N, C-alpha and C. Protein backbone atom coordinates (compact mmCIF):
# COMPACT_ATOMS: atom_id res chain seq x y z
N MET A 1 61.32 35.08 -25.79
CA MET A 1 60.52 33.88 -25.95
C MET A 1 61.10 32.74 -25.09
N TRP A 2 60.15 31.86 -24.65
CA TRP A 2 60.62 30.69 -23.90
C TRP A 2 61.25 29.69 -24.85
N PRO A 3 62.30 28.99 -24.44
CA PRO A 3 62.84 27.92 -25.28
C PRO A 3 61.83 26.80 -25.44
N ILE A 4 61.81 26.23 -26.63
CA ILE A 4 60.81 25.21 -26.94
C ILE A 4 61.08 23.87 -26.23
N ASP A 5 62.34 23.45 -26.25
CA ASP A 5 62.67 22.10 -25.75
C ASP A 5 62.22 21.85 -24.31
N PRO A 6 62.46 22.76 -23.33
CA PRO A 6 62.03 22.49 -21.98
C PRO A 6 60.52 22.39 -21.85
N LEU A 7 59.75 22.96 -22.81
CA LEU A 7 58.29 22.90 -22.71
C LEU A 7 57.71 21.60 -23.25
N LEU A 8 58.48 20.89 -24.05
CA LEU A 8 57.93 19.69 -24.69
C LEU A 8 57.42 18.66 -23.68
N PRO A 9 58.16 18.35 -22.60
CA PRO A 9 57.61 17.37 -21.63
C PRO A 9 56.34 17.86 -20.93
N ALA A 10 56.16 19.18 -20.85
CA ALA A 10 55.00 19.74 -20.16
C ALA A 10 53.73 19.68 -20.97
N LEU A 11 53.85 19.67 -22.30
CA LEU A 11 52.66 19.74 -23.14
C LEU A 11 51.71 18.56 -22.97
N PRO A 12 52.23 17.30 -22.95
CA PRO A 12 51.30 16.19 -22.73
C PRO A 12 50.62 16.24 -21.37
N VAL A 13 51.34 16.71 -20.36
CA VAL A 13 50.76 16.84 -19.02
C VAL A 13 49.70 17.93 -19.00
N LEU A 14 49.98 19.03 -19.67
CA LEU A 14 49.00 20.11 -19.79
C LEU A 14 47.75 19.63 -20.51
N ALA A 15 47.91 18.88 -21.61
CA ALA A 15 46.79 18.37 -22.37
C ALA A 15 46.00 17.34 -21.55
N GLN A 16 46.67 16.50 -20.78
CA GLN A 16 45.98 15.51 -19.96
C GLN A 16 45.14 16.19 -18.91
N GLY A 17 45.69 17.23 -18.26
CA GLY A 17 44.93 17.97 -17.28
C GLY A 17 43.71 18.63 -17.89
N PHE A 18 43.89 19.23 -19.07
CA PHE A 18 42.79 19.90 -19.76
C PHE A 18 41.67 18.92 -20.10
N ALA A 19 42.06 17.75 -20.68
CA ALA A 19 41.07 16.76 -21.08
C ALA A 19 40.31 16.22 -19.89
N LEU A 20 41.00 15.92 -18.82
CA LEU A 20 40.33 15.38 -17.64
C LEU A 20 39.42 16.43 -17.03
N GLY A 21 39.91 17.67 -16.88
CA GLY A 21 39.09 18.74 -16.29
C GLY A 21 37.87 19.02 -17.11
N PHE A 22 38.01 19.07 -18.44
CA PHE A 22 36.85 19.38 -19.30
C PHE A 22 35.84 18.23 -19.27
N GLY A 23 36.34 16.98 -19.25
CA GLY A 23 35.44 15.85 -19.20
C GLY A 23 34.58 15.83 -17.94
N LEU A 24 35.14 16.28 -16.83
CA LEU A 24 34.43 16.26 -15.55
C LEU A 24 33.47 17.43 -15.41
N ILE A 25 33.86 18.60 -15.93
CA ILE A 25 33.09 19.81 -15.70
C ILE A 25 31.86 19.88 -16.60
N VAL A 26 31.95 19.26 -17.81
CA VAL A 26 30.83 19.34 -18.75
C VAL A 26 29.79 18.26 -18.35
N ALA A 27 28.94 18.59 -17.42
CA ALA A 27 27.89 17.69 -16.96
C ALA A 27 26.79 18.54 -16.34
N ILE A 28 25.56 18.01 -16.39
CA ILE A 28 24.44 18.71 -15.75
C ILE A 28 24.59 18.64 -14.25
N GLY A 29 24.56 19.77 -13.62
CA GLY A 29 24.70 19.84 -12.17
C GLY A 29 24.25 21.15 -11.63
N ALA A 30 24.25 21.27 -10.32
CA ALA A 30 23.72 22.46 -9.67
C ALA A 30 24.54 23.72 -10.04
N GLN A 31 25.85 23.59 -10.02
CA GLN A 31 26.70 24.76 -10.33
C GLN A 31 26.49 25.23 -11.76
N ASN A 32 26.48 24.26 -12.70
CA ASN A 32 26.28 24.64 -14.10
C ASN A 32 24.91 25.26 -14.33
N ALA A 33 23.89 24.73 -13.67
CA ALA A 33 22.55 25.27 -13.82
C ALA A 33 22.51 26.71 -13.31
N PHE A 34 23.19 26.99 -12.22
CA PHE A 34 23.21 28.36 -11.68
C PHE A 34 23.94 29.31 -12.60
N VAL A 35 25.09 28.89 -13.12
CA VAL A 35 25.85 29.75 -14.06
C VAL A 35 25.01 30.02 -15.31
N LEU A 36 24.32 28.97 -15.79
CA LEU A 36 23.47 29.16 -16.98
C LEU A 36 22.35 30.15 -16.71
N ARG A 37 21.73 30.04 -15.54
CA ARG A 37 20.64 30.96 -15.22
C ARG A 37 21.15 32.39 -15.10
N GLN A 38 22.29 32.59 -14.47
CA GLN A 38 22.85 33.95 -14.37
C GLN A 38 23.21 34.47 -15.75
N GLY A 39 23.71 33.57 -16.63
CA GLY A 39 24.01 34.01 -17.99
C GLY A 39 22.78 34.45 -18.72
N LEU A 40 21.70 33.69 -18.58
CA LEU A 40 20.44 34.06 -19.24
C LEU A 40 19.89 35.37 -18.72
N ARG A 41 20.08 35.62 -17.45
CA ARG A 41 19.61 36.88 -16.86
C ARG A 41 20.56 38.05 -17.11
N ARG A 42 21.77 37.73 -17.60
CA ARG A 42 22.81 38.74 -17.81
C ARG A 42 23.05 39.50 -16.49
N GLU A 43 23.24 38.74 -15.44
CA GLU A 43 23.33 39.29 -14.10
C GLU A 43 24.62 38.86 -13.45
N HIS A 44 25.56 39.79 -13.31
CA HIS A 44 26.85 39.53 -12.64
C HIS A 44 27.55 38.30 -13.25
N VAL A 45 27.47 38.16 -14.57
CA VAL A 45 28.00 36.96 -15.21
C VAL A 45 29.50 36.87 -15.04
N ALA A 46 30.22 37.96 -15.27
CA ALA A 46 31.69 37.92 -15.15
C ALA A 46 32.10 37.53 -13.75
N SER A 47 31.45 38.11 -12.74
CA SER A 47 31.83 37.80 -11.35
C SER A 47 31.58 36.32 -11.04
N VAL A 48 30.45 35.81 -11.46
CA VAL A 48 30.10 34.41 -11.18
C VAL A 48 31.04 33.48 -11.93
N VAL A 49 31.28 33.76 -13.20
CA VAL A 49 32.17 32.93 -14.00
C VAL A 49 33.57 32.89 -13.41
N MET A 50 34.09 34.08 -13.04
CA MET A 50 35.45 34.11 -12.51
C MET A 50 35.54 33.45 -11.14
N PHE A 51 34.49 33.60 -10.32
CA PHE A 51 34.52 32.94 -9.01
C PHE A 51 34.55 31.41 -9.19
N CYS A 52 33.63 30.89 -10.02
CA CYS A 52 33.58 29.43 -10.21
C CYS A 52 34.87 28.88 -10.79
N ALA A 53 35.45 29.59 -11.75
CA ALA A 53 36.69 29.15 -12.35
C ALA A 53 37.83 29.21 -11.34
N ALA A 54 37.89 30.29 -10.55
CA ALA A 54 38.93 30.42 -9.54
C ALA A 54 38.81 29.37 -8.46
N ALA A 55 37.55 29.10 -8.02
CA ALA A 55 37.34 28.08 -6.99
C ALA A 55 37.78 26.72 -7.49
N ASP A 56 37.45 26.39 -8.73
CA ASP A 56 37.89 25.13 -9.30
C ASP A 56 39.42 25.05 -9.35
N ALA A 57 40.07 26.14 -9.73
CA ALA A 57 41.53 26.16 -9.79
C ALA A 57 42.13 25.89 -8.43
N VAL A 58 41.57 26.53 -7.41
CA VAL A 58 42.09 26.34 -6.05
C VAL A 58 41.89 24.90 -5.59
N LEU A 59 40.72 24.35 -5.86
CA LEU A 59 40.43 22.97 -5.44
C LEU A 59 41.28 21.97 -6.20
N ILE A 60 41.50 22.22 -7.48
CA ILE A 60 42.36 21.32 -8.26
C ILE A 60 43.79 21.34 -7.70
N ALA A 61 44.27 22.55 -7.46
CA ALA A 61 45.64 22.69 -6.94
C ALA A 61 45.76 22.02 -5.57
N ALA A 62 44.73 22.22 -4.74
CA ALA A 62 44.78 21.61 -3.39
C ALA A 62 44.77 20.09 -3.51
N GLY A 63 43.98 19.55 -4.43
CA GLY A 63 43.96 18.11 -4.60
C GLY A 63 45.29 17.57 -5.09
N VAL A 64 45.85 18.21 -6.08
CA VAL A 64 47.11 17.73 -6.65
C VAL A 64 48.23 17.83 -5.63
N PHE A 65 48.23 18.88 -4.84
CA PHE A 65 49.35 19.11 -3.91
C PHE A 65 49.06 18.63 -2.49
N GLY A 66 48.11 17.71 -2.32
CA GLY A 66 48.01 17.09 -1.03
C GLY A 66 46.67 16.82 -0.40
N MET A 67 45.60 17.57 -0.80
CA MET A 67 44.32 17.41 -0.09
C MET A 67 43.64 16.09 -0.41
N ALA A 68 43.94 15.49 -1.55
CA ALA A 68 43.29 14.26 -1.94
C ALA A 68 43.45 13.19 -0.86
N GLN A 69 44.65 13.00 -0.37
CA GLN A 69 44.90 11.99 0.65
C GLN A 69 44.21 12.37 1.97
N ALA A 70 44.20 13.65 2.29
CA ALA A 70 43.60 14.08 3.55
C ALA A 70 42.09 13.81 3.57
N LEU A 71 41.39 14.16 2.47
CA LEU A 71 39.95 13.90 2.45
C LEU A 71 39.64 12.41 2.36
N GLY A 72 40.48 11.66 1.69
CA GLY A 72 40.26 10.23 1.56
C GLY A 72 40.31 9.53 2.89
N GLU A 73 40.97 10.09 3.89
CA GLU A 73 41.10 9.49 5.22
C GLU A 73 40.03 10.00 6.20
N ARG A 74 39.07 10.82 5.72
CA ARG A 74 38.04 11.39 6.60
C ARG A 74 36.65 11.14 6.03
N PRO A 75 36.14 9.90 6.11
CA PRO A 75 34.81 9.62 5.58
C PRO A 75 33.71 10.40 6.29
N GLY A 76 33.91 10.73 7.56
CA GLY A 76 32.92 11.52 8.29
C GLY A 76 32.72 12.91 7.68
N LEU A 77 33.80 13.49 7.23
CA LEU A 77 33.70 14.81 6.60
C LEU A 77 32.95 14.71 5.27
N ALA A 78 33.22 13.67 4.50
CA ALA A 78 32.50 13.49 3.24
C ALA A 78 31.01 13.32 3.49
N ARG A 79 30.64 12.57 4.56
CA ARG A 79 29.23 12.38 4.87
C ARG A 79 28.56 13.68 5.28
N ALA A 80 29.25 14.48 6.07
CA ALA A 80 28.69 15.77 6.47
C ALA A 80 28.50 16.70 5.28
N LEU A 81 29.43 16.68 4.36
CA LEU A 81 29.30 17.51 3.16
C LEU A 81 28.12 17.06 2.30
N ALA A 82 27.90 15.73 2.25
CA ALA A 82 26.78 15.22 1.46
C ALA A 82 25.44 15.70 2.04
N VAL A 83 25.30 15.66 3.38
CA VAL A 83 24.04 16.10 4.01
C VAL A 83 23.82 17.59 3.79
N ALA A 84 24.86 18.37 4.00
CA ALA A 84 24.74 19.84 3.82
C ALA A 84 24.42 20.17 2.39
N GLY A 85 25.04 19.50 1.45
CA GLY A 85 24.74 19.75 0.05
C GLY A 85 23.33 19.36 -0.34
N ALA A 86 22.86 18.22 0.19
CA ALA A 86 21.49 17.76 -0.10
C ALA A 86 20.46 18.77 0.37
N VAL A 87 20.66 19.29 1.57
CA VAL A 87 19.71 20.29 2.12
C VAL A 87 19.71 21.53 1.24
N PHE A 88 20.87 22.02 0.88
CA PHE A 88 20.95 23.23 0.07
C PHE A 88 20.28 23.01 -1.28
N LEU A 89 20.53 21.87 -1.93
CA LEU A 89 19.96 21.60 -3.24
C LEU A 89 18.45 21.46 -3.16
N ALA A 90 17.94 20.85 -2.09
CA ALA A 90 16.50 20.66 -1.92
C ALA A 90 15.83 22.04 -1.79
N VAL A 91 16.39 22.93 -1.03
CA VAL A 91 15.79 24.26 -0.86
C VAL A 91 15.83 25.03 -2.16
N TYR A 92 16.94 24.99 -2.89
CA TYR A 92 17.03 25.71 -4.15
C TYR A 92 16.06 25.11 -5.17
N GLY A 93 15.93 23.79 -5.18
CA GLY A 93 15.00 23.12 -6.10
C GLY A 93 13.56 23.52 -5.80
N TRP A 94 13.19 23.63 -4.54
CA TRP A 94 11.87 24.03 -4.16
C TRP A 94 11.58 25.48 -4.66
N ARG A 95 12.57 26.34 -4.53
CA ARG A 95 12.39 27.72 -5.00
C ARG A 95 12.22 27.75 -6.51
N ALA A 96 12.97 26.93 -7.24
CA ALA A 96 12.84 26.87 -8.68
C ALA A 96 11.45 26.36 -9.07
N LEU A 97 10.95 25.38 -8.30
CA LEU A 97 9.61 24.85 -8.57
C LEU A 97 8.53 25.92 -8.36
N GLN A 98 8.71 26.73 -7.33
CA GLN A 98 7.76 27.84 -7.10
C GLN A 98 7.82 28.84 -8.24
N ARG A 99 8.99 29.12 -8.76
CA ARG A 99 9.10 30.02 -9.90
C ARG A 99 8.43 29.43 -11.12
N ALA A 100 8.56 28.11 -11.30
CA ALA A 100 7.93 27.45 -12.46
C ALA A 100 6.41 27.52 -12.39
N ARG A 101 5.87 27.58 -11.19
CA ARG A 101 4.42 27.67 -11.04
C ARG A 101 3.91 29.07 -11.34
N ARG A 102 4.81 30.06 -11.30
CA ARG A 102 4.41 31.46 -11.61
C ARG A 102 5.40 32.01 -12.63
N PRO A 103 5.38 31.49 -13.85
CA PRO A 103 6.39 31.88 -14.83
C PRO A 103 6.26 33.32 -15.28
N GLN A 104 7.41 33.93 -15.55
CA GLN A 104 7.46 35.26 -16.10
C GLN A 104 8.50 35.29 -17.20
N GLY A 105 8.25 36.13 -18.20
CA GLY A 105 9.23 36.27 -19.25
C GLY A 105 10.45 37.04 -18.76
N LEU A 106 11.55 36.78 -19.39
CA LEU A 106 12.78 37.46 -19.01
C LEU A 106 13.10 38.53 -20.03
N ASP A 107 13.11 39.78 -19.56
CA ASP A 107 13.52 40.91 -20.41
C ASP A 107 14.99 41.18 -20.14
N ALA A 108 15.83 40.77 -21.08
CA ALA A 108 17.27 40.87 -20.87
C ALA A 108 17.74 42.30 -20.70
N ALA A 109 16.98 43.25 -21.20
CA ALA A 109 17.40 44.64 -21.13
C ALA A 109 16.99 45.28 -19.81
N ALA A 110 16.15 44.61 -19.04
CA ALA A 110 15.67 45.17 -17.78
C ALA A 110 16.44 44.57 -16.60
N GLY A 111 16.66 45.36 -15.58
CA GLY A 111 17.39 44.86 -14.42
C GLY A 111 16.55 43.89 -13.61
N GLY A 112 15.30 44.20 -13.34
CA GLY A 112 14.47 43.32 -12.56
C GLY A 112 14.90 43.24 -11.13
N ALA A 113 14.18 42.43 -10.37
CA ALA A 113 14.52 42.25 -8.95
C ALA A 113 15.41 41.03 -8.81
N GLY A 114 16.62 41.13 -9.35
CA GLY A 114 17.54 40.01 -9.33
C GLY A 114 18.43 40.05 -8.11
N LEU A 115 19.46 39.20 -8.17
CA LEU A 115 20.42 39.11 -7.08
C LEU A 115 21.39 40.29 -7.10
N THR A 116 21.84 40.69 -5.94
CA THR A 116 22.96 41.61 -5.89
C THR A 116 24.22 40.85 -6.23
N ARG A 117 25.31 41.57 -6.50
CA ARG A 117 26.55 40.89 -6.79
C ARG A 117 27.01 40.00 -5.62
N ALA A 118 26.85 40.53 -4.39
CA ALA A 118 27.22 39.74 -3.22
C ALA A 118 26.34 38.49 -3.13
N GLY A 119 25.03 38.66 -3.37
CA GLY A 119 24.12 37.52 -3.30
C GLY A 119 24.43 36.47 -4.34
N ALA A 120 24.79 36.92 -5.57
CA ALA A 120 25.13 35.97 -6.61
C ALA A 120 26.41 35.20 -6.26
N LEU A 121 27.39 35.88 -5.66
CA LEU A 121 28.63 35.22 -5.29
C LEU A 121 28.42 34.27 -4.11
N VAL A 122 27.53 34.62 -3.18
CA VAL A 122 27.20 33.70 -2.07
C VAL A 122 26.60 32.42 -2.62
N GLN A 123 25.64 32.55 -3.55
CA GLN A 123 25.02 31.35 -4.12
C GLN A 123 26.03 30.56 -4.94
N ALA A 124 26.88 31.24 -5.68
CA ALA A 124 27.92 30.53 -6.44
C ALA A 124 28.85 29.76 -5.50
N ALA A 125 29.18 30.38 -4.37
CA ALA A 125 30.04 29.70 -3.39
C ALA A 125 29.36 28.48 -2.81
N ALA A 126 28.04 28.63 -2.52
CA ALA A 126 27.31 27.49 -1.96
C ALA A 126 27.23 26.34 -2.95
N PHE A 127 26.91 26.65 -4.21
CA PHE A 127 26.80 25.59 -5.22
C PHE A 127 28.14 24.92 -5.45
N THR A 128 29.20 25.68 -5.30
CA THR A 128 30.56 25.12 -5.54
C THR A 128 31.07 24.34 -4.33
N LEU A 129 30.96 24.91 -3.15
CA LEU A 129 31.62 24.34 -1.99
C LEU A 129 30.74 23.39 -1.17
N LEU A 130 29.41 23.47 -1.33
CA LEU A 130 28.53 22.56 -0.61
C LEU A 130 28.17 21.32 -1.42
N ASN A 131 28.75 21.19 -2.58
CA ASN A 131 28.51 20.02 -3.40
C ASN A 131 29.65 19.02 -3.18
N PRO A 132 29.37 17.90 -2.52
CA PRO A 132 30.44 16.98 -2.23
C PRO A 132 31.10 16.37 -3.45
N HIS A 133 30.37 16.41 -4.59
CA HIS A 133 30.95 15.85 -5.81
C HIS A 133 32.14 16.68 -6.27
N VAL A 134 32.17 17.96 -5.91
CA VAL A 134 33.32 18.78 -6.29
C VAL A 134 34.58 18.28 -5.58
N TYR A 135 34.41 17.75 -4.36
CA TYR A 135 35.55 17.21 -3.62
C TYR A 135 35.92 15.82 -4.13
N LEU A 136 34.89 15.03 -4.45
CA LEU A 136 35.16 13.69 -4.95
C LEU A 136 35.79 13.74 -6.33
N ASP A 137 35.26 14.60 -7.22
CA ASP A 137 35.77 14.68 -8.60
C ASP A 137 36.98 15.58 -8.70
N THR A 138 36.78 16.85 -8.33
CA THR A 138 37.84 17.85 -8.54
C THR A 138 39.02 17.63 -7.63
N VAL A 139 38.76 17.31 -6.33
CA VAL A 139 39.88 17.18 -5.40
C VAL A 139 40.44 15.77 -5.43
N LEU A 140 39.61 14.77 -5.18
CA LEU A 140 40.11 13.40 -5.04
C LEU A 140 40.56 12.81 -6.39
N LEU A 141 39.65 12.85 -7.40
CA LEU A 141 39.98 12.21 -8.68
C LEU A 141 41.06 12.97 -9.45
N VAL A 142 40.79 14.25 -9.69
CA VAL A 142 41.78 15.06 -10.41
C VAL A 142 43.07 15.17 -9.59
N GLY A 143 42.92 15.33 -8.28
CA GLY A 143 44.10 15.46 -7.45
C GLY A 143 44.96 14.22 -7.44
N SER A 144 44.35 13.06 -7.36
CA SER A 144 45.11 11.83 -7.33
C SER A 144 45.83 11.57 -8.64
N ILE A 145 45.19 11.90 -9.77
CA ILE A 145 45.84 11.72 -11.06
C ILE A 145 46.97 12.74 -11.25
N GLY A 146 46.70 13.98 -10.86
CA GLY A 146 47.72 15.02 -10.96
C GLY A 146 48.91 14.74 -10.07
N ALA A 147 48.67 14.15 -8.90
CA ALA A 147 49.74 13.85 -7.98
C ALA A 147 50.70 12.79 -8.50
N GLN A 148 50.26 12.03 -9.49
CA GLN A 148 51.12 10.97 -10.05
C GLN A 148 52.10 11.57 -11.06
N GLN A 149 51.91 12.81 -11.46
CA GLN A 149 52.84 13.43 -12.41
C GLN A 149 54.15 13.74 -11.72
N PRO A 150 55.22 13.83 -12.48
CA PRO A 150 56.52 14.24 -11.90
C PRO A 150 56.38 15.59 -11.17
N THR A 151 57.12 15.75 -10.10
CA THR A 151 56.97 16.93 -9.26
C THR A 151 57.06 18.22 -10.04
N GLY A 152 58.00 18.31 -10.96
CA GLY A 152 58.18 19.53 -11.70
C GLY A 152 57.10 19.82 -12.73
N LEU A 153 56.24 18.83 -13.02
CA LEU A 153 55.19 19.00 -14.05
C LEU A 153 53.79 19.11 -13.43
N ARG A 154 53.67 19.00 -12.12
CA ARG A 154 52.33 19.03 -11.54
C ARG A 154 51.64 20.37 -11.75
N ALA A 155 52.42 21.45 -11.71
CA ALA A 155 51.82 22.75 -11.96
C ALA A 155 51.22 22.87 -13.36
N TRP A 156 51.82 22.20 -14.33
CA TRP A 156 51.28 22.20 -15.68
C TRP A 156 49.98 21.43 -15.73
N PHE A 157 49.88 20.36 -15.00
CA PHE A 157 48.63 19.58 -14.93
C PHE A 157 47.52 20.45 -14.33
N VAL A 158 47.85 21.14 -13.24
CA VAL A 158 46.87 22.05 -12.61
C VAL A 158 46.45 23.14 -13.59
N ALA A 159 47.40 23.68 -14.34
CA ALA A 159 47.06 24.72 -15.32
C ALA A 159 46.14 24.20 -16.41
N GLY A 160 46.39 22.97 -16.88
CA GLY A 160 45.52 22.39 -17.91
C GLY A 160 44.09 22.18 -17.43
N ALA A 161 43.96 21.54 -16.23
CA ALA A 161 42.62 21.30 -15.71
C ALA A 161 41.90 22.60 -15.37
N SER A 162 42.61 23.56 -14.84
CA SER A 162 42.00 24.85 -14.49
C SER A 162 41.57 25.62 -15.71
N SER A 163 42.35 25.56 -16.79
CA SER A 163 41.96 26.28 -18.01
C SER A 163 40.72 25.65 -18.63
N ALA A 164 40.56 24.34 -18.49
CA ALA A 164 39.33 23.70 -19.00
C ALA A 164 38.12 24.21 -18.24
N SER A 165 38.24 24.34 -16.95
CA SER A 165 37.18 24.87 -16.13
C SER A 165 36.82 26.30 -16.55
N LEU A 166 37.82 27.13 -16.73
CA LEU A 166 37.62 28.52 -17.10
C LEU A 166 36.92 28.59 -18.45
N LEU A 167 37.37 27.81 -19.42
CA LEU A 167 36.76 27.81 -20.76
C LEU A 167 35.30 27.42 -20.68
N TRP A 168 34.98 26.37 -19.91
CA TRP A 168 33.61 25.91 -19.83
C TRP A 168 32.68 26.95 -19.22
N PHE A 169 33.12 27.57 -18.13
CA PHE A 169 32.28 28.55 -17.47
C PHE A 169 32.09 29.81 -18.32
N VAL A 170 33.12 30.20 -19.06
CA VAL A 170 32.98 31.32 -19.98
C VAL A 170 31.95 31.00 -21.05
N LEU A 171 32.04 29.81 -21.65
CA LEU A 171 31.09 29.39 -22.67
C LEU A 171 29.68 29.32 -22.11
N LEU A 172 29.57 28.77 -20.91
CA LEU A 172 28.24 28.56 -20.33
C LEU A 172 27.61 29.91 -19.93
N GLY A 173 28.37 30.76 -19.28
CA GLY A 173 27.83 32.01 -18.80
C GLY A 173 27.55 33.03 -19.91
N PHE A 174 28.54 33.27 -20.75
CA PHE A 174 28.39 34.30 -21.78
C PHE A 174 27.67 33.74 -23.02
N GLY A 175 27.79 32.46 -23.29
CA GLY A 175 27.08 31.87 -24.43
C GLY A 175 25.58 31.83 -24.19
N ALA A 176 25.17 31.76 -22.91
CA ALA A 176 23.77 31.70 -22.59
C ALA A 176 23.01 32.95 -23.02
N GLN A 177 23.74 34.06 -23.15
CA GLN A 177 23.09 35.31 -23.51
C GLN A 177 22.44 35.26 -24.89
N ALA A 178 22.97 34.39 -25.77
CA ALA A 178 22.37 34.26 -27.10
C ALA A 178 20.96 33.66 -27.03
N LEU A 179 20.64 33.00 -25.91
CA LEU A 179 19.33 32.41 -25.76
C LEU A 179 18.32 33.35 -25.13
N ALA A 180 18.77 34.55 -24.73
CA ALA A 180 17.91 35.49 -24.01
C ALA A 180 16.60 35.80 -24.73
N PRO A 181 16.60 36.03 -26.08
CA PRO A 181 15.32 36.30 -26.75
C PRO A 181 14.31 35.16 -26.61
N TRP A 182 14.82 33.93 -26.65
CA TRP A 182 13.93 32.78 -26.50
C TRP A 182 13.34 32.73 -25.10
N PHE A 183 14.15 33.06 -24.09
CA PHE A 183 13.70 33.04 -22.71
C PHE A 183 12.90 34.28 -22.32
N ALA A 184 12.64 35.16 -23.28
CA ALA A 184 11.71 36.24 -23.02
C ALA A 184 10.28 35.71 -22.93
N ARG A 185 10.07 34.46 -23.39
CA ARG A 185 8.74 33.85 -23.33
C ARG A 185 8.58 33.16 -21.96
N PRO A 186 7.47 33.39 -21.27
CA PRO A 186 7.26 32.77 -19.96
C PRO A 186 7.32 31.27 -19.97
N ARG A 187 6.81 30.64 -21.04
CA ARG A 187 6.81 29.19 -21.11
C ARG A 187 8.23 28.60 -21.12
N ALA A 188 9.11 29.25 -21.86
CA ALA A 188 10.49 28.78 -21.91
C ALA A 188 11.15 28.86 -20.54
N TRP A 189 10.91 29.98 -19.84
CA TRP A 189 11.48 30.15 -18.50
C TRP A 189 10.90 29.12 -17.52
N GLN A 190 9.62 28.80 -17.72
CA GLN A 190 8.97 27.79 -16.88
C GLN A 190 9.63 26.43 -17.06
N VAL A 191 9.93 26.11 -18.33
CA VAL A 191 10.59 24.82 -18.62
C VAL A 191 11.96 24.76 -17.94
N LEU A 192 12.74 25.85 -18.06
CA LEU A 192 14.07 25.89 -17.44
C LEU A 192 13.99 25.71 -15.92
N ASP A 193 13.11 26.47 -15.28
CA ASP A 193 12.97 26.32 -13.84
C ASP A 193 12.49 24.95 -13.44
N GLY A 194 11.60 24.36 -14.25
CA GLY A 194 11.15 23.00 -13.98
C GLY A 194 12.31 21.99 -14.07
N LEU A 195 13.16 22.14 -15.09
CA LEU A 195 14.31 21.26 -15.23
C LEU A 195 15.29 21.44 -14.07
N ILE A 196 15.49 22.71 -13.68
CA ILE A 196 16.39 22.97 -12.54
C ILE A 196 15.84 22.34 -11.27
N ALA A 197 14.53 22.50 -11.06
CA ALA A 197 13.92 21.92 -9.84
C ALA A 197 14.09 20.40 -9.84
N GLY A 198 13.84 19.77 -11.00
CA GLY A 198 14.01 18.33 -11.09
C GLY A 198 15.43 17.89 -10.86
N THR A 199 16.38 18.62 -11.45
CA THR A 199 17.80 18.28 -11.28
C THR A 199 18.22 18.39 -9.82
N MET A 200 17.80 19.48 -9.17
CA MET A 200 18.15 19.69 -7.76
C MET A 200 17.55 18.58 -6.89
N GLY A 201 16.31 18.24 -7.17
CA GLY A 201 15.66 17.20 -6.39
C GLY A 201 16.37 15.86 -6.50
N VAL A 202 16.70 15.48 -7.74
CA VAL A 202 17.39 14.19 -7.94
C VAL A 202 18.74 14.19 -7.26
N LEU A 203 19.49 15.28 -7.42
CA LEU A 203 20.80 15.38 -6.77
C LEU A 203 20.72 15.31 -5.26
N ALA A 204 19.69 15.99 -4.72
CA ALA A 204 19.52 15.97 -3.26
C ALA A 204 19.24 14.56 -2.77
N VAL A 205 18.39 13.83 -3.47
CA VAL A 205 18.08 12.43 -3.07
C VAL A 205 19.33 11.57 -3.16
N LEU A 206 20.09 11.71 -4.25
CA LEU A 206 21.28 10.91 -4.42
C LEU A 206 22.32 11.22 -3.33
N LEU A 207 22.43 12.49 -2.95
CA LEU A 207 23.40 12.84 -1.92
C LEU A 207 22.98 12.30 -0.57
N MET A 208 21.68 12.38 -0.25
CA MET A 208 21.22 11.81 1.00
C MET A 208 21.43 10.30 1.06
N ARG A 209 21.20 9.67 -0.11
CA ARG A 209 21.42 8.20 -0.18
C ARG A 209 22.92 7.90 0.05
N HIS A 210 23.78 8.73 -0.58
CA HIS A 210 25.21 8.53 -0.40
C HIS A 210 25.60 8.69 1.06
N ALA A 211 25.02 9.72 1.74
CA ALA A 211 25.34 9.94 3.14
C ALA A 211 24.87 8.78 4.01
N ALA A 212 23.67 8.23 3.68
CA ALA A 212 23.11 7.14 4.48
C ALA A 212 23.91 5.85 4.31
N MET A 213 24.48 5.66 3.13
CA MET A 213 25.23 4.42 2.87
C MET A 213 26.69 4.53 3.25
N SER A 214 27.16 5.74 3.58
CA SER A 214 28.56 5.90 3.96
C SER A 214 28.83 5.27 5.30
N PRO A 215 29.98 4.68 5.50
CA PRO A 215 30.31 4.04 6.80
C PRO A 215 30.50 5.06 7.89
């Protein structure tokens, strides 16, 4: 067993990282909407959940150990990420709107013409890495706070924030399966796709506005 005394200073840092990470990740956004949809379809859920959690962990660690300052000094990169993310969200939102116009019930027991594992991971990567808010929140905000911790405790902060991300994606992806019987009704699926389309559209507009106002 590990000795208790050396762990005592790490526990508050671990808890702070967890609280901050959980507070930022629990929000309506493109990545969460995609994980929810994959969970409802019961389609490559474990792969998508693990990818999103791992990507968050890497970004958090990069922010805490140095990337925060690097991105903060490159406003042009932030603007380019905003434009790329807005285009991606607009296209995905349009596709969700088209699905909402032709709703179909979801049979959780049937495979259907869904995404391949590679396709699901590509979309998960796009929602994660083309969203500039992940760099502003996960890298800059979490990174700058984590970087203020004592050098020997920064890894504990990263572990706390990363575990919050993992917990949220597990709850979102696997918990969504309990809603599958409800989403067997076409109307329910139409409502979800309509909400996703609206969310993507609003985010795309906000990102384009952010890019236009950036110096």
